Amino acid sequence: MNSLMSTLATIRTGLAVIFASLLLSACASYNGSGLKPGESTLAEVESMMGTAAMRWQNADGSQQLAFTRGPAGFHTFMAVVGADGRLQSIKNVLDTKNMTRIQAGMTQEQVLRILGPTTCRTEYFAARDELVWDWRYLDDFRESAHFFVLFDATKGTVRSTMSTAAGEVCL
């Protein structure tokens, strides 16, 4: 009986180690924490982060890649890979600092370059000819919130922005 209990305890410990390893590797791929600027290659970035939701080619030969973690997640990670194919930076862009950069008159493309694609919802209000993009994020108090960018649908430019506490989950 003691031998059986010892074997079961060893199996349980082994499964716990495997589960913890899988959990840690999943977390590392969520935010790119294992990537090293100046060292990691574009292939390594894509292998760890997955397929970019959007990608832009910059004039200097670098690329900007947006990795969304919605609709249930609160983050979009923006990676910049230099012309040499090496990671320059990676950071979460769904934060108050980046949201305050969105100003009236900006184009949809400018907004996408700052926040990445919306992962929550997009709605059109015909009466106002207004297009609303919605991002789910964690506010400065680490509470779930929504950030809305309201566009003049005809011009494709920002009219205004607003944030609210999250009352629902994006699906």
C-alpha atoms as a PDB file:
ATOM      1  CA  MET A   1       0.000   0.000   0.000  1.00  0.00           C
ATOM      2  CA  ASN A   2       2.836   2.413   0.873  1.00  0.00           C
ATOM      3  CA  SER A   3       4.458   1.657  -2.482  1.00  0.00           C
ATOM      4  CA  LEU A   4       1.228   2.508  -4.310  1.00  0.00           C
ATOM      5  CA  MET A   5       0.847   5.763  -2.347  1.00  0.00           C
ATOM      6  CA  SER A   6       4.453   6.690  -3.086  1.00  0.00           C
ATOM      7  CA  THR A   7       3.952   6.027  -6.804  1.00  0.00           C
ATOM      8  CA  LEU A   8       0.772   8.126  -6.869  1.00  0.00           C
ATOM      9  CA  ALA A   9       2.550  10.979  -5.075  1.00  0.00           C
ATOM     10  CA  THR A  10       5.392  10.839  -7.619  1.00  0.00           C
ATOM     11  CA  ILE A  11       2.912  10.893 -10.510  1.00  0.00           C
ATOM     12  CA  ARG A  12       1.037  13.818  -8.941  1.00  0.00           C
ATOM     13  CA  THR A  13       4.283  15.754  -8.499  1.00  0.00           C
ATOM     14  CA  GLY A  14       5.305  15.023 -12.077  1.00  0.00           C
ATOM     15  CA  LEU A  15       1.934  16.170 -13.419  1.00  0.00           C
ATOM     16  CA  ALA A  16       2.137  19.337 -11.328  1.00  0.00           C
ATOM     17  CA  VAL A  17       5.577  20.134 -12.773  1.00  0.00           C
ATOM     18  CA  ILE A  18       4.350  19.511 -16.333  1.00  0.00           C
ATOM     19  CA  PHE A  19       1.248  21.639 -15.753  1.00  0.00           C
ATOM     20  CA  ALA A  20       3.301  24.481 -14.246  1.00  0.00           C
ATOM     21  CA  SER A  21       5.724  24.344 -17.182  1.00  0.00           C
ATOM     22  CA  LEU A  22       2.879  24.506 -19.682  1.00  0.00           C
ATOM     23  CA  LEU A  23       1.273  27.359 -17.789  1.00  0.00           C
ATOM     24  CA  LEU A  24       4.509  29.345 -17.687  1.00  0.00           C
ATOM     25  CA  SER A  25       5.178  28.793 -21.383  1.00  0.00           C
ATOM     26  CA  ALA A  26       1.644  29.932 -22.208  1.00  0.00           C
ATOM     27  CA  CYS A  27       2.152  33.118 -20.175  1.00  0.00           C
ATOM     28  CA  ALA A  28       5.468  33.823 -21.868  1.00  0.00           C
ATOM     29  CA  SER A  29       3.834  33.647 -25.288  1.00  0.00           C
ATOM     30  CA  TYR A  30       1.007  35.954 -24.198  1.00  0.00           C
ATOM     31  CA  ASN A  31       3.153  39.068 -23.779  1.00  0.00           C
ATOM     32  CA  GLY A  32       6.469  38.130 -25.377  1.00  0.00           C
ATOM     33  CA  SER A  33       8.364  38.248 -22.086  1.00  0.00           C
ATOM     34  CA  GLY A  34      10.880  35.718 -23.417  1.00  0.00           C
ATOM     35  CA  LEU A  35      11.763  37.932 -26.381  1.00  0.00           C
ATOM     36  CA  LYS A  36      14.917  40.045 -26.222  1.00  0.00           C
ATOM     37  CA  PRO A  37      15.213  43.366 -28.101  1.00  0.00           C
ATOM     38  CA  GLY A  38      18.311  43.388 -30.268  1.00  0.00           C
ATOM     39  CA  GLU A  39      18.506  39.595 -30.254  1.00  0.00           C
ATOM     40  CA  SER A  40      15.144  37.997 -31.080  1.00  0.00           C
ATOM     41  CA  THR A  41      14.354  37.628 -34.772  1.00  0.00           C
ATOM     42  CA  LEU A  42      11.092  38.282 -36.594  1.00  0.00           C
ATOM     43  CA  ALA A  43      10.592  34.508 -36.873  1.00  0.00           C
ATOM     44  CA  GLU A  44      11.028  34.143 -33.098  1.00  0.00           C
ATOM     45  CA  VAL A  45       8.586  36.995 -32.443  1.00  0.00           C
ATOM     46  CA  GLU A  46       5.943  35.374 -34.659  1.00  0.00           C
ATOM     47  CA  SER A  47       6.625  31.933 -33.213  1.00  0.00           C
ATOM     48  CA  MET A  48       6.096  33.181 -29.669  1.00  0.00           C
ATOM     49  CA  MET A  49       3.353  35.772 -30.249  1.00  0.00           C
ATOM     50  CA  GLY A  50       1.417  34.082 -33.063  1.00  0.00           C
ATOM     51  CA  THR A  51       0.168  35.690 -36.254  1.00  0.00           C
ATOM     52  CA  ALA A  52       0.064  39.478 -36.177  1.00  0.00           C
ATOM     53  CA  ALA A  53      -3.432  40.935 -36.477  1.00  0.00           C
ATOM     54  CA  MET A  54      -1.963  43.856 -38.439  1.00  0.00           C
ATOM     55  CA  ARG A  55       1.422  44.671 -39.908  1.00  0.00           C
ATOM     56  CA  TRP A  56       2.874  47.918 -41.261  1.00  0.00           C
ATOM     57  CA  GLN A  57       6.059  48.530 -43.234  1.00  0.00           C
ATOM     58  CA  ASN A  58       7.852  51.690 -42.073  1.00  0.00           C
ATOM     59  CA  ALA A  59       9.895  54.010 -44.321  1.00  0.00           C
ATOM     60  CA  ASP A  60      13.138  53.025 -42.544  1.00  0.00           C
ATOM     61  CA  GLY A  61      12.615  49.348 -43.428  1.00  0.00           C
ATOM     62  CA  SER A  62      11.368  48.357 -39.981  1.00  0.00           C
ATOM     63  CA  GLN A  63       8.020  46.666 -39.428  1.00  0.00           C
ATOM     64  CA  GLN A  64       5.365  47.329 -36.812  1.00  0.00           C
ATOM     65  CA  LEU A  65       3.247  44.318 -35.804  1.00  0.00           C
ATOM     66  CA  ALA A  66       0.097  44.304 -33.668  1.00  0.00           C
ATOM     67  CA  PHE A  67      -0.662  41.198 -31.604  1.00  0.00           C
ATOM     68  CA  THR A  68      -4.160  41.378 -30.129  1.00  0.00           C
ATOM     69  CA  ARG A  69      -5.191  39.422 -27.071  1.00  0.00           C
ATOM     70  CA  GLY A  70      -8.949  40.056 -27.229  1.00  0.00           C
ATOM     71  CA  PRO A  71     -11.849  39.777 -27.167  1.00  0.00           C
ATOM     72  CA  ALA A  72     -11.549  38.337 -23.663  1.00  0.00           C
ATOM     73  CA  GLY A  73      -8.066  39.802 -23.114  1.00  0.00           C
ATOM     74  CA  PHE A  74      -7.134  43.348 -22.150  1.00  0.00           C
ATOM     75  CA  HIS A  75      -3.950  43.817 -24.168  1.00  0.00           C
ATOM     76  CA  THR A  76      -2.576  44.467 -27.609  1.00  0.00           C
ATOM     77  CA  PHE A  77       1.178  44.115 -27.924  1.00  0.00           C
ATOM     78  CA  MET A  78       2.926  46.220 -30.533  1.00  0.00           C
ATOM     79  CA  ALA A  79       6.295  44.929 -31.723  1.00  0.00           C
ATOM     80  CA  VAL A  80       8.775  46.835 -33.857  1.00  0.00           C
ATOM     81  CA  VAL A  81      11.222  44.717 -35.849  1.00  0.00           C
ATOM     82  CA  GLY A  82      14.135  46.546 -37.470  1.00  0.00           C
ATOM     83  CA  ALA A  83      15.237  46.353 -41.089  1.00  0.00           C
ATOM     84  CA  ASP A  84      17.862  43.860 -39.862  1.00  0.00           C
ATOM     85  CA  GLY A  85      15.057  41.467 -38.820  1.00  0.00           C
ATOM     86  CA  ARG A  86      15.718  41.885 -35.064  1.00  0.00           C
ATOM     87  CA  LEU A  87      13.187  42.931 -32.440  1.00  0.00           C
ATOM     88  CA  GLN A  88      13.605  46.577 -31.401  1.00  0.00           C
ATOM     89  CA  SER A  89      10.735  46.803 -28.902  1.00  0.00           C
ATOM     90  CA  ILE A  90       7.535  45.159 -27.741  1.00  0.00           C
ATOM     91  CA  LYS A  91       4.947  46.676 -25.412  1.00  0.00           C
ATOM     92  CA  ASN A  92       1.290  46.663 -24.479  1.00  0.00           C
ATOM     93  CA  VAL A  93      -0.374  49.659 -26.132  1.00  0.00           C
ATOM     94  CA  LEU A  94      -3.803  49.452 -24.496  1.00  0.00           C
ATOM     95  CA  ASP A  95      -3.105  51.845 -21.651  1.00  0.00           C
ATOM     96  CA  THR A  96      -4.106  55.350 -20.639  1.00  0.00           C
ATOM     97  CA  LYS A  97      -0.869  56.870 -21.954  1.00  0.00           C
ATOM     98  CA  ASN A  98      -1.507  55.670 -25.509  1.00  0.00           C
ATOM     99  CA  MET A  99      -5.224  56.395 -25.376  1.00  0.00           C
ATOM    100  CA  THR A 100      -4.548  60.045 -24.549  1.00  0.00           C
ATOM    101  CA  ARG A 101      -2.566  60.250 -27.804  1.00  0.00           C
ATOM    102  CA  ILE A 102      -5.779  59.802 -29.807  1.00  0.00           C
ATOM    103  CA  GLN A 103      -6.929  63.282 -30.827  1.00  0.00           C
ATOM    104  CA  ALA A 104      -9.783  64.769 -32.859  1.00  0.00           C
ATOM    105  CA  GLY A 105      -8.943  64.878 -36.564  1.00  0.00           C
ATOM    106  CA  MET A 106      -6.704  61.789 -36.561  1.00  0.00           C
ATOM    107  CA  THR A 107      -7.333  59.212 -39.283  1.00  0.00           C
ATOM    108  CA  GLN A 108      -8.385  55.622 -38.691  1.00  0.00           C
ATOM    109  CA  GLU A 109      -4.937  54.516 -39.879  1.00  0.00           C
ATOM    110  CA  GLN A 110      -3.250  56.741 -37.278  1.00  0.00           C
ATOM    111  CA  VAL A 111      -5.437  55.268 -34.535  1.00  0.00           C
ATOM    112  CA  LEU A 112      -4.634  51.730 -35.682  1.00  0.00           C
ATOM    113  CA  ARG A 113      -0.910  52.477 -35.571  1.00  0.00           C
ATOM    114  CA  ILE A 114      -1.225  53.585 -31.934  1.00  0.00           C
ATOM    115  CA  LEU A 115      -3.743  51.066 -30.497  1.00  0.00           C
ATOM    116  CA  GLY A 116      -3.887  48.262 -33.034  1.00  0.00           C
ATOM    117  CA  PRO A 117      -7.179  46.841 -34.272  1.00  0.00           C
ATOM    118  CA  THR A 118     -10.214  46.848 -32.047  1.00  0.00           C
ATOM    119  CA  THR A 119     -10.859  43.472 -30.503  1.00  0.00           C
ATOM    120  CA  CYS A 120     -14.202  44.264 -28.960  1.00  0.00           C
ATOM    121  CA  ARG A 121     -16.735  45.691 -31.386  1.00  0.00           C
ATOM    122  CA  THR A 122     -17.378  48.260 -34.058  1.00  0.00           C
ATOM    123  CA  GLU A 123     -20.752  49.951 -34.432  1.00  0.00           C
ATOM    124  CA  TYR A 124     -22.188  52.419 -36.945  1.00  0.00           C
ATOM    125  CA  PHE A 125     -24.813  54.983 -35.926  1.00  0.00           C
ATOM    126  CA  ALA A 126     -26.550  56.232 -39.068  1.00  0.00           C
ATOM    127  CA  ALA A 127     -28.340  59.167 -37.405  1.00  0.00           C
ATOM    128  CA  ARG A 128     -24.978  60.720 -36.540  1.00  0.00           C
ATOM    129  CA  ASP A 129     -22.998  59.188 -39.426  1.00  0.00           C
ATOM    130  CA  GLU A 130     -20.700  57.950 -36.679  1.00  0.00           C
ATOM    131  CA  LEU A 131     -18.490  54.885 -36.528  1.00  0.00           C
ATOM    132  CA  VAL A 132     -17.459  53.726 -33.043  1.00  0.00           C
ATOM    133  CA  TRP A 133     -14.496  51.461 -32.330  1.00  0.00           C
ATOM    134  CA  ASP A 134     -14.257  49.865 -28.888  1.00  0.00           C
ATOM    135  CA  TRP A 135     -11.215  48.436 -27.064  1.00  0.00           C
ATOM    136  CA  ARG A 136     -11.362  46.540 -23.789  1.00  0.00           C
ATOM    137  CA  TYR A 137      -8.435  47.332 -21.451  1.00  0.00           C
ATOM    138  CA  LEU A 138      -7.344  47.621 -17.831  1.00  0.00           C
ATOM    139  CA  ASP A 139      -7.530  51.180 -16.523  1.00  0.00           C
ATOM    140  CA  ASP A 140      -5.014  52.789 -14.163  1.00  0.00           C
ATOM    141  CA  PHE A 141      -6.677  51.000 -11.240  1.00  0.00           C
ATOM    142  CA  ARG A 142      -6.373  47.632 -13.060  1.00  0.00           C
ATOM    143  CA  GLU A 143     -10.147  47.536 -13.495  1.00  0.00           C
ATOM    144  CA  SER A 144     -11.821  46.361 -16.691  1.00  0.00           C
ATOM    145  CA  ALA A 145     -12.811  49.313 -18.876  1.00  0.00           C
ATOM    146  CA  HIS A 146     -13.734  50.228 -22.455  1.00  0.00           C
ATOM    147  CA  PHE A 147     -12.119  52.893 -24.607  1.00  0.00           C
ATOM    148  CA  PHE A 148     -14.231  54.237 -27.469  1.00  0.00           C
ATOM    149  CA  VAL A 149     -13.052  56.191 -30.486  1.00  0.00           C
ATOM    150  CA  LEU A 150     -15.882  57.954 -32.307  1.00  0.00           C
ATOM    151  CA  PHE A 151     -15.222  58.688 -35.981  1.00  0.00           C
ATOM    152  CA  ASP A 152     -16.968  60.866 -38.511  1.00  0.00           C
ATOM    153  CA  ALA A 153     -17.874  57.926 -40.779  1.00  0.00           C
ATOM    154  CA  THR A 154     -17.786  59.976 -43.985  1.00  0.00           C
ATOM    155  CA  LYS A 155     -14.427  61.636 -43.328  1.00  0.00           C
ATOM    156  CA  GLY A 156     -12.890  58.699 -41.459  1.00  0.00           C
ATOM    157  CA  THR A 157     -11.461  61.016 -38.802  1.00  0.00           C
ATOM    158  CA  VAL A 158     -11.751  61.043 -35.014  1.00  0.00           C
ATOM    159  CA  ARG A 159     -14.525  63.196 -33.559  1.00  0.00           C
ATOM    160  CA  SER A 160     -13.957  62.298 -29.906  1.00  0.00           C
ATOM    161  CA  THR A 161     -12.997  59.566 -27.451  1.00  0.00           C
ATOM    162  CA  MET A 162     -14.360  58.310 -24.154  1.00  0.00           C
ATOM    163  CA  SER A 163     -13.718  55.644 -21.540  1.00  0.00           C
ATOM    164  CA  THR A 164     -16.206  53.793 -19.376  1.00  0.00           C
ATOM    165  CA  ALA A 165     -16.091  51.079 -16.765  1.00  0.00           C
ATOM    166  CA  ALA A 166     -16.726  47.733 -18.392  1.00  0.00           C
ATOM    167  CA  GLY A 167     -20.327  46.664 -18.014  1.00  0.00           C
ATOM    168  CA  GLU A 168     -20.061  43.738 -20.385  1.00  0.00           C
ATOM    169  CA  VAL A 169     -17.595  41.371 -21.954  1.00  0.00           C
ATOM    170  CA  CYS A 170     -16.888  41.558 -25.671  1.00  0.00           C
ATOM    171  CA  LEU A 171     -17.725  38.394 -27.530  1.00  0.00           C
END
